[in-house]
Amino acid sequence: MSVYLSLATMLGLAVGGVLLAYLLHRRTAVAPGAVATLPFLSGWRPAEHALSRFEARYYPMTLLFLAFDVEMLYMYPWATVVASIGTSAIVEMFVLLGVLMTGVLWAWREGALRWT
């Protein structure tokens, strides 16, 4: 029964947190019309919309960065336990790095990393 009680407590805390955030937002939010009439960039009118799209050539670089950034999330804890696990941990990390490098080489061959 304690498992159900802890699940109900977690659910209650999550719903309560969302409700509290919503009520706090309703209490402190700026009127919708006020933001549209404020000056932008020291009074200069914007040349483009704030949510305009980025050029498509930035996306492959972003994905490449994210792939290696997530890889670092695996390497930091791995570095702390590699001595206790042994050779299998080293082999597993090199397999992960090999998969990532295969993806980079494939993207490079396909021309996804060409800037022009």
N, C-alpha and C. Protein backbone atom coordinates (compact mmCIF):
# COMPACT_ATOMS: atom_id res chain seq x y z
N MET A 1 0.81 -1.20 0.00
CA MET A 1 0.00 0.00 0.00
C MET A 1 0.85 1.26 0.00
N SER A 2 2.09 1.16 0.51
CA SER A 2 2.94 2.34 0.58
C SER A 2 3.36 2.80 -0.82
N VAL A 3 3.44 1.87 -1.78
CA VAL A 3 3.79 2.25 -3.15
C VAL A 3 2.70 3.14 -3.73
N TYR A 4 1.45 2.77 -3.51
CA TYR A 4 0.34 3.58 -4.01
C TYR A 4 0.29 4.93 -3.32
N LEU A 5 0.62 4.97 -2.05
CA LEU A 5 0.62 6.22 -1.32
C LEU A 5 1.72 7.14 -1.83
N SER A 6 2.89 6.60 -2.11
CA SER A 6 3.97 7.44 -2.62
C SER A 6 3.66 7.92 -4.04
N LEU A 7 3.05 7.07 -4.87
CA LEU A 7 2.65 7.50 -6.21
C LEU A 7 1.60 8.60 -6.14
N ALA A 8 0.63 8.45 -5.24
CA ALA A 8 -0.40 9.48 -5.08
C ALA A 8 0.22 10.78 -4.57
N THR A 9 1.20 10.68 -3.68
CA THR A 9 1.87 11.87 -3.18
C THR A 9 2.63 12.58 -4.29
N MET A 10 3.36 11.82 -5.10
CA MET A 10 4.09 12.42 -6.22
C MET A 10 3.15 13.05 -7.22
N LEU A 11 2.05 12.39 -7.53
CA LEU A 11 1.08 12.95 -8.45
C LEU A 11 0.47 14.22 -7.88
N GLY A 12 0.15 14.20 -6.59
CA GLY A 12 -0.42 15.38 -5.94
C GLY A 12 0.56 16.55 -5.94
N LEU A 13 1.84 16.27 -5.68
CA LEU A 13 2.85 17.33 -5.72
C LEU A 13 3.02 17.90 -7.12
N ALA A 14 2.99 17.03 -8.13
CA ALA A 14 3.13 17.50 -9.51
C ALA A 14 1.95 18.37 -9.91
N VAL A 15 0.74 17.90 -9.63
CA VAL A 15 -0.45 18.68 -9.98
C VAL A 15 -0.48 19.98 -9.17
N GLY A 16 -0.12 19.91 -7.90
CA GLY A 16 -0.09 21.11 -7.08
C GLY A 16 0.95 22.11 -7.57
N GLY A 17 2.10 21.63 -8.00
CA GLY A 17 3.13 22.51 -8.54
C GLY A 17 2.69 23.21 -9.81
N VAL A 18 2.04 22.45 -10.69
CA VAL A 18 1.54 23.04 -11.93
C VAL A 18 0.45 24.06 -11.63
N LEU A 19 -0.44 23.72 -10.72
CA LEU A 19 -1.51 24.65 -10.34
C LEU A 19 -0.94 25.90 -9.70
N LEU A 20 0.04 25.75 -8.84
CA LEU A 20 0.67 26.91 -8.21
C LEU A 20 1.37 27.79 -9.24
N ALA A 21 2.06 27.18 -10.20
CA ALA A 21 2.72 27.95 -11.26
C ALA A 21 1.69 28.70 -12.10
N TYR A 22 0.58 28.05 -12.41
CA TYR A 22 -0.47 28.69 -13.20
C TYR A 22 -1.07 29.88 -12.44
N LEU A 23 -1.35 29.68 -11.16
CA LEU A 23 -1.93 30.77 -10.38
C LEU A 23 -0.94 31.92 -10.20
N LEU A 24 0.33 31.59 -10.03
CA LEU A 24 1.34 32.64 -9.93
C LEU A 24 1.46 33.41 -11.24
N HIS A 25 1.38 32.69 -12.35
CA HIS A 25 1.43 33.35 -13.66
C HIS A 25 0.23 34.28 -13.84
N ARG A 26 -0.94 33.82 -13.48
CA ARG A 26 -2.15 34.64 -13.62
C ARG A 26 -2.06 35.90 -12.77
N ARG A 27 -1.39 35.79 -11.65
CA ARG A 27 -1.30 36.93 -10.74
C ARG A 27 -0.24 37.94 -11.16
N THR A 28 0.83 37.48 -11.80
CA THR A 28 1.95 38.38 -12.12
C THR A 28 2.10 38.66 -13.60
N ALA A 29 1.23 38.15 -14.46
CA ALA A 29 1.41 38.31 -15.90
C ALA A 29 1.17 39.76 -16.32
N VAL A 30 1.88 40.15 -17.37
CA VAL A 30 1.70 41.48 -17.96
C VAL A 30 0.52 41.40 -18.92
N ALA A 31 -0.21 42.49 -19.04
CA ALA A 31 -1.36 42.52 -19.94
C ALA A 31 -0.91 42.20 -21.36
N PRO A 32 -1.70 41.45 -22.14
CA PRO A 32 -1.27 41.03 -23.47
C PRO A 32 -0.98 42.20 -24.42
N GLY A 33 -1.72 43.27 -24.32
CA GLY A 33 -1.52 44.39 -25.24
C GLY A 33 -0.29 45.22 -24.92
N ALA A 34 0.19 45.16 -23.68
CA ALA A 34 1.30 46.03 -23.29
C ALA A 34 2.61 45.66 -23.99
N VAL A 35 2.87 44.40 -24.18
CA VAL A 35 4.12 43.98 -24.80
C VAL A 35 4.16 44.37 -26.27
N ALA A 36 3.04 44.33 -26.96
CA ALA A 36 3.02 44.65 -28.38
C ALA A 36 3.29 46.13 -28.63
N THR A 37 3.02 47.01 -27.69
CA THR A 37 3.20 48.43 -27.91
C THR A 37 4.51 48.97 -27.37
N LEU A 38 5.29 48.14 -26.67
CA LEU A 38 6.56 48.60 -26.14
C LEU A 38 7.59 48.76 -27.25
N PRO A 39 8.54 49.69 -27.11
CA PRO A 39 9.60 49.82 -28.11
C PRO A 39 10.51 48.59 -28.08
N PHE A 40 11.11 48.31 -29.21
CA PHE A 40 11.97 47.15 -29.36
C PHE A 40 13.35 47.64 -29.78
N LEU A 41 14.38 47.15 -29.16
CA LEU A 41 15.76 47.53 -29.47
C LEU A 41 15.96 49.04 -29.36
N SER A 42 15.69 49.58 -28.22
CA SER A 42 15.89 51.00 -27.92
C SER A 42 15.07 51.91 -28.81
N GLY A 43 13.90 51.49 -29.15
CA GLY A 43 13.00 52.33 -29.92
C GLY A 43 12.99 52.05 -31.41
N TRP A 44 13.95 51.29 -31.91
CA TRP A 44 13.97 50.95 -33.34
C TRP A 44 12.92 49.90 -33.62
N ARG A 45 12.24 50.02 -34.72
CA ARG A 45 11.27 49.01 -35.12
C ARG A 45 12.02 47.76 -35.60
N PRO A 46 11.54 46.60 -35.25
CA PRO A 46 12.24 45.38 -35.68
C PRO A 46 12.17 45.19 -37.18
N ALA A 47 13.28 44.70 -37.75
CA ALA A 47 13.33 44.45 -39.19
C ALA A 47 12.68 43.12 -39.55
N GLU A 48 12.63 42.20 -38.62
CA GLU A 48 12.03 40.90 -38.86
C GLU A 48 11.32 40.43 -37.61
N HIS A 49 10.52 39.43 -37.75
CA HIS A 49 9.77 38.90 -36.62
C HIS A 49 10.73 38.20 -35.66
N ALA A 50 10.45 38.27 -34.39
CA ALA A 50 11.33 37.67 -33.40
C ALA A 50 11.40 36.16 -33.52
N LEU A 51 10.36 35.54 -34.05
CA LEU A 51 10.34 34.08 -34.19
C LEU A 51 10.67 33.64 -35.61
N SER A 52 11.43 34.48 -36.35
CA SER A 52 11.76 34.11 -37.72
C SER A 52 12.66 32.88 -37.72
N ARG A 53 12.65 32.18 -38.81
CA ARG A 53 13.40 30.93 -38.90
C ARG A 53 14.87 31.20 -39.11
N PHE A 54 15.69 30.30 -38.57
CA PHE A 54 17.12 30.36 -38.81
C PHE A 54 17.40 29.71 -40.15
N GLU A 55 18.57 29.99 -40.68
CA GLU A 55 18.94 29.35 -41.94
C GLU A 55 19.10 27.85 -41.71
N ALA A 56 18.78 27.09 -42.73
CA ALA A 56 18.79 25.62 -42.60
C ALA A 56 20.19 25.06 -42.38
N ARG A 57 21.22 25.78 -42.76
CA ARG A 57 22.57 25.24 -42.60
C ARG A 57 23.04 25.22 -41.15
N TYR A 58 22.33 25.88 -40.24
CA TYR A 58 22.69 25.83 -38.83
C TYR A 58 22.21 24.54 -38.17
N TYR A 59 21.18 23.91 -38.69
CA TYR A 59 20.60 22.74 -38.05
C TYR A 59 21.54 21.53 -38.00
N PRO A 60 22.25 21.17 -39.08
CA PRO A 60 23.18 20.02 -38.95
C PRO A 60 24.27 20.26 -37.92
N MET A 61 24.78 21.49 -37.85
CA MET A 61 25.80 21.78 -36.85
C MET A 61 25.23 21.66 -35.44
N THR A 62 23.99 22.09 -35.27
CA THR A 62 23.35 21.98 -33.96
C THR A 62 23.17 20.51 -33.57
N LEU A 63 22.72 19.70 -34.51
CA LEU A 63 22.53 18.28 -34.22
C LEU A 63 23.86 17.59 -33.91
N LEU A 64 24.91 17.99 -34.62
CA LEU A 64 26.22 17.42 -34.34
C LEU A 64 26.69 17.81 -32.94
N PHE A 65 26.49 19.07 -32.57
CA PHE A 65 26.84 19.51 -31.23
C PHE A 65 26.05 18.74 -30.18
N LEU A 66 24.75 18.57 -30.39
CA LEU A 66 23.92 17.87 -29.42
C LEU A 66 24.33 16.41 -29.28
N ALA A 67 24.71 15.78 -30.39
CA ALA A 67 25.14 14.38 -30.32
C ALA A 67 26.37 14.24 -29.43
N PHE A 68 27.33 15.12 -29.59
CA PHE A 68 28.53 15.01 -28.79
C PHE A 68 28.33 15.56 -27.38
N ASP A 69 27.38 16.45 -27.21
CA ASP A 69 27.05 16.93 -25.88
C ASP A 69 26.39 15.81 -25.06
N VAL A 70 25.49 15.08 -25.66
CA VAL A 70 24.85 13.96 -24.97
C VAL A 70 25.87 12.86 -24.71
N GLU A 71 26.81 12.71 -25.62
CA GLU A 71 27.86 11.71 -25.41
C GLU A 71 28.67 12.03 -24.16
N MET A 72 28.88 13.31 -23.89
CA MET A 72 29.61 13.70 -22.69
C MET A 72 28.81 13.36 -21.42
N LEU A 73 27.48 13.37 -21.52
CA LEU A 73 26.66 12.97 -20.38
C LEU A 73 26.92 11.51 -20.00
N TYR A 74 27.26 10.70 -20.98
CA TYR A 74 27.57 9.30 -20.69
C TYR A 74 29.01 9.12 -20.23
N MET A 75 29.91 9.99 -20.70
CA MET A 75 31.32 9.80 -20.39
C MET A 75 31.68 10.23 -18.97
N TYR A 76 31.03 11.24 -18.42
CA TYR A 76 31.39 11.68 -17.07
C TYR A 76 31.10 10.61 -16.02
N PRO A 77 29.90 10.04 -15.97
CA PRO A 77 29.72 8.97 -14.98
C PRO A 77 30.54 7.73 -15.30
N TRP A 78 30.76 7.48 -16.58
CA TRP A 78 31.56 6.32 -16.98
C TRP A 78 32.98 6.45 -16.43
N ALA A 79 33.52 7.67 -16.43
CA ALA A 79 34.89 7.87 -15.96
C ALA A 79 35.02 7.57 -14.48
N THR A 80 33.95 7.70 -13.74
CA THR A 80 34.04 7.44 -12.30
C THR A 80 33.99 5.95 -11.97
N VAL A 81 33.42 5.13 -12.83
CA VAL A 81 33.28 3.70 -12.52
C VAL A 81 34.12 2.81 -13.41
N VAL A 82 34.89 3.37 -14.33
CA VAL A 82 35.63 2.54 -15.27
C VAL A 82 36.66 1.66 -14.57
N ALA A 83 37.26 2.14 -13.50
CA ALA A 83 38.28 1.33 -12.80
C ALA A 83 37.65 0.12 -12.11
N SER A 84 36.44 0.29 -11.60
CA SER A 84 35.82 -0.83 -10.90
C SER A 84 35.20 -1.85 -11.86
N ILE A 85 34.77 -1.42 -13.02
CA ILE A 85 34.14 -2.35 -13.98
C ILE A 85 35.20 -3.08 -14.79
N GLY A 86 36.19 -2.35 -15.30
CA GLY A 86 37.28 -3.00 -16.01
C GLY A 86 37.20 -2.84 -17.52
N THR A 87 37.68 -3.86 -18.21
CA THR A 87 37.84 -3.81 -19.66
C THR A 87 36.51 -3.69 -20.40
N SER A 88 35.47 -4.29 -19.88
CA SER A 88 34.19 -4.23 -20.59
C SER A 88 33.66 -2.79 -20.68
N ALA A 89 33.93 -1.97 -19.67
CA ALA A 89 33.50 -0.57 -19.71
C ALA A 89 34.25 0.19 -20.81
N ILE A 90 35.52 -0.12 -20.97
CA ILE A 90 36.31 0.55 -22.02
C ILE A 90 35.81 0.14 -23.39
N VAL A 91 35.52 -1.14 -23.57
CA VAL A 91 35.01 -1.62 -24.85
C VAL A 91 33.66 -0.99 -25.17
N GLU A 92 32.79 -0.90 -24.17
CA GLU A 92 31.48 -0.29 -24.39
C GLU A 92 31.59 1.17 -24.78
N MET A 93 32.51 1.92 -24.17
CA MET A 93 32.67 3.33 -24.51
C MET A 93 33.21 3.50 -25.91
N PHE A 94 34.14 2.63 -26.31
CA PHE A 94 34.66 2.73 -27.67
C PHE A 94 33.61 2.34 -28.70
N VAL A 95 32.72 1.43 -28.35
CA VAL A 95 31.60 1.11 -29.25
C VAL A 95 30.70 2.33 -29.42
N LEU A 96 30.39 3.03 -28.31
CA LEU A 96 29.58 4.25 -28.40
C LEU A 96 30.26 5.31 -29.23
N LEU A 97 31.55 5.52 -29.01
CA LEU A 97 32.28 6.50 -29.80
C LEU A 97 32.35 6.09 -31.27
N GLY A 98 32.45 4.79 -31.53
CA GLY A 98 32.46 4.32 -32.92
C GLY A 98 31.14 4.58 -33.62
N VAL A 99 30.03 4.37 -32.91
CA VAL A 99 28.72 4.66 -33.50
C VAL A 99 28.59 6.14 -33.80
N LEU A 100 29.01 6.98 -32.88
CA LEU A 100 28.95 8.43 -33.11
C LEU A 100 29.84 8.84 -34.28
N MET A 101 31.03 8.30 -34.34
CA MET A 101 31.94 8.66 -35.42
C MET A 101 31.43 8.16 -36.77
N THR A 102 30.77 7.02 -36.77
CA THR A 102 30.16 6.52 -38.01
C THR A 102 29.09 7.49 -38.50
N GLY A 103 28.30 8.01 -37.58
CA GLY A 103 27.28 9.00 -37.95
C GLY A 103 27.89 10.27 -38.48
N VAL A 104 28.98 10.73 -37.89
CA VAL A 104 29.64 11.95 -38.37
C VAL A 104 30.23 11.72 -39.76
N LEU A 105 30.89 10.58 -39.95
CA LEU A 105 31.46 10.30 -41.27
C LEU A 105 30.38 10.17 -42.33
N TRP A 106 29.25 9.57 -41.99
CA TRP A 106 28.14 9.46 -42.94
C TRP A 106 27.60 10.84 -43.29
N ALA A 107 27.42 11.70 -42.30
CA ALA A 107 26.92 13.05 -42.56
C ALA A 107 27.92 13.84 -43.39
N TRP A 108 29.20 13.64 -43.13
CA TRP A 108 30.23 14.33 -43.90
C TRP A 108 30.22 13.85 -45.35
N ARG A 109 30.08 12.52 -45.55
CA ARG A 109 30.05 11.98 -46.92
C ARG A 109 28.84 12.47 -47.69
N GLU A 110 27.70 12.60 -47.00
CA GLU A 110 26.47 13.07 -47.64
C GLU A 110 26.47 14.57 -47.91
N GLY A 111 27.42 15.28 -47.32
CA GLY A 111 27.51 16.73 -47.54
C GLY A 111 26.67 17.54 -46.58
N ALA A 112 26.24 16.93 -45.50
CA ALA A 112 25.41 17.65 -44.54
C ALA A 112 26.20 18.69 -43.77
N LEU A 113 27.52 18.57 -43.73
CA LEU A 113 28.33 19.50 -42.97
C LEU A 113 28.95 20.57 -43.84
N ARG A 114 28.65 20.59 -45.14
CA ARG A 114 29.16 21.64 -46.02
C ARG A 114 28.44 22.94 -45.73
N TRP A 115 29.20 24.01 -45.61
CA TRP A 115 28.60 25.29 -45.26
C TRP A 115 28.03 26.01 -46.49
N THR A 116 28.60 25.82 -47.64
CA THR A 116 28.11 26.55 -48.83
C THR A 116 27.39 25.63 -49.77
